[in-house]
């Protein structure tokens, strides 16, 4: 027998708050989805690059992420927290939501690398990003 699980793309037009994460998960549970993603209420770029900024590997200026110069050649492995995932797990436990699985939506390394700038100039071309250096 083939079993089809139901899921959702993950993005919602709501402001990122813990309360909205909870609201989305309760709504997904109540409509019968059995494999929800953690709700995406921010851009993937912010979801995955903000933790690297918090760890001191990147800095943000006017909404653009830049690589910290003295770390270019020696970026240590960093454990990061994805707050949407943490909020999802906490909400599921709090409300005893019986989902089959939880799905983790991600974006690719090329997308992320294309949004990390290695130069402080005003250029926003791909040549100014981490994609410009194959290492």
Protein backbone atom coordinates (compact mmCIF):
# COMPACT_ATOMS: atom_id res chain seq x y z
CA UNK A 1 0.00 0.00 0.00
CA UNK A 2 1.28 3.46 -0.87
CA UNK A 3 1.05 6.01 1.93
CA UNK A 4 0.94 9.67 0.97
CA UNK A 5 1.89 12.19 3.60
CA UNK A 6 0.58 15.74 3.49
CA UNK A 7 2.83 18.75 3.95
CA UNK A 8 3.10 22.41 3.06
CA UNK A 9 5.71 24.62 1.40
CA UNK A 10 6.28 26.36 4.71
CA UNK A 11 6.12 30.10 4.11
CA UNK A 12 3.35 32.19 5.65
CA UNK A 13 2.58 35.91 5.32
CA UNK A 14 2.95 36.61 9.02
CA UNK A 15 5.45 38.55 11.11
CA UNK A 16 8.03 36.32 12.79
CA UNK A 17 6.98 35.84 16.41
CA UNK A 18 6.78 32.82 18.69
CA UNK A 19 3.01 33.32 18.84
CA UNK A 20 2.68 33.22 15.05
CA UNK A 21 4.78 30.04 14.85
CA UNK A 22 2.39 28.49 17.36
CA UNK A 23 -0.67 29.78 15.46
CA UNK A 24 0.57 28.30 12.18
CA UNK A 25 1.35 24.91 13.70
CA UNK A 26 -2.04 24.71 15.41
CA UNK A 27 -3.73 25.62 12.11
CA UNK A 28 -1.72 22.98 10.22
CA UNK A 29 -2.61 20.39 12.83
CA UNK A 30 -6.29 21.31 12.77
CA UNK A 31 -6.53 20.97 8.97
CA UNK A 32 -4.93 17.53 9.14
CA UNK A 33 -1.43 17.96 7.74
CA UNK A 34 0.71 15.13 9.03
CA UNK A 35 4.22 16.29 8.02
CA UNK A 36 4.42 20.05 8.52
CA UNK A 37 7.57 22.04 7.97
CA UNK A 38 8.65 24.39 10.66
CA UNK A 39 6.92 27.62 9.67
CA UNK A 40 8.94 30.03 7.55
CA UNK A 41 8.04 33.56 8.62
CA UNK A 42 11.40 35.08 7.62
CA UNK A 43 13.48 34.76 4.48
CA UNK A 44 15.69 31.69 4.25
CA UNK A 45 18.64 34.04 4.02
CA UNK A 46 17.89 35.48 7.47
CA UNK A 47 16.95 32.11 8.97
CA UNK A 48 20.34 30.63 8.08
CA UNK A 49 22.67 33.65 8.07
CA UNK A 50 21.49 35.44 11.25
CA UNK A 51 22.95 32.64 13.44
CA UNK A 52 26.31 33.06 11.66
CA UNK A 53 26.09 36.79 12.32
CA UNK A 54 25.38 36.06 16.01
CA UNK A 55 28.44 33.77 16.09
CA UNK A 56 30.60 36.62 14.76
CA UNK A 57 31.35 35.14 11.33
CA UNK A 58 29.24 37.67 9.41
CA UNK A 59 28.01 41.18 9.95
CA UNK A 60 24.92 42.84 8.56
CA UNK A 61 24.91 46.32 7.13
CA UNK A 62 21.74 47.76 5.63
CA UNK A 63 20.24 44.30 5.17
CA UNK A 64 23.31 42.80 3.44
CA UNK A 65 25.55 40.15 5.00
CA UNK A 66 29.33 40.51 4.83
CA UNK A 67 32.06 38.08 5.76
CA UNK A 68 34.18 39.23 8.70
CA UNK A 69 37.59 39.90 7.12
CA UNK A 70 39.81 38.32 9.77
CA UNK A 71 37.83 35.08 9.54
CA UNK A 72 37.95 34.58 5.79
CA UNK A 73 40.69 31.94 5.90
CA UNK A 74 39.69 30.29 9.17
CA UNK A 75 35.96 29.93 9.72
CA UNK A 76 35.45 27.38 12.49
CA UNK A 77 32.64 24.87 12.40
CA UNK A 78 29.75 26.49 14.22
CA UNK A 79 26.70 24.93 15.79
CA UNK A 80 23.78 27.23 15.15
CA UNK A 81 20.24 27.34 16.43
CA UNK A 82 17.37 27.63 13.99
CA UNK A 83 14.79 29.36 16.16
CA UNK A 84 11.86 28.35 13.95
CA UNK A 85 12.78 24.70 14.49
CA UNK A 86 13.15 25.22 18.25
CA UNK A 87 9.79 27.01 18.44
CA UNK A 88 8.18 24.22 16.42
CA UNK A 89 9.44 21.48 18.74
CA UNK A 90 8.39 23.45 21.82
CA UNK A 91 4.91 24.10 20.40
CA UNK A 92 4.43 20.44 19.48
CA UNK A 93 5.36 19.40 23.00
CA UNK A 94 3.26 22.14 24.65
CA UNK A 95 0.09 21.22 22.73
CA UNK A 96 0.81 17.49 22.29
CA UNK A 97 0.42 17.75 18.52
CA UNK A 98 0.61 14.30 16.98
CA UNK A 99 2.31 14.92 13.65
CA UNK A 100 3.91 11.95 11.84
CA UNK A 101 7.14 13.85 11.18
CA UNK A 102 8.47 17.38 11.02
CA UNK A 103 10.06 18.64 7.82
CA UNK A 104 13.02 21.03 7.81
CA UNK A 105 12.85 23.37 4.82
CA UNK A 106 16.28 24.51 3.73
CA UNK A 107 17.88 26.51 0.98
CA UNK A 108 21.01 25.65 -0.93
CA UNK A 109 24.58 26.62 -0.25
CA UNK A 110 24.83 28.49 -3.56
CA UNK A 111 21.85 30.64 -2.63
CA UNK A 112 23.38 31.44 0.76
CA UNK A 113 26.85 32.05 -0.70
CA UNK A 114 25.34 34.44 -3.24
CA UNK A 115 24.06 36.59 -0.37
CA UNK A 116 27.33 36.83 1.59
CA UNK A 117 29.49 39.68 0.33
CA UNK A 118 33.27 39.58 0.66
CA UNK A 119 33.87 43.21 -0.26
CA UNK A 120 32.60 46.33 1.46
CA UNK A 121 32.00 48.19 -1.79
CA UNK A 122 28.67 49.21 -3.18
CA UNK A 123 28.62 46.48 -5.81
CA UNK A 124 25.87 43.90 -5.38
CA UNK A 125 27.04 41.68 -8.23
CA UNK A 126 27.77 37.98 -7.77
CA UNK A 127 31.46 38.81 -8.26
CA UNK A 128 31.33 40.53 -4.84
CA UNK A 129 29.97 37.46 -3.06
CA UNK A 130 31.35 34.19 -1.74
CA UNK A 131 30.51 32.68 -5.14
CA UNK A 132 33.44 34.61 -6.61
CA UNK A 133 35.96 32.39 -4.80
CA UNK A 134 35.74 28.64 -5.40
CA UNK A 135 37.26 27.94 -1.97
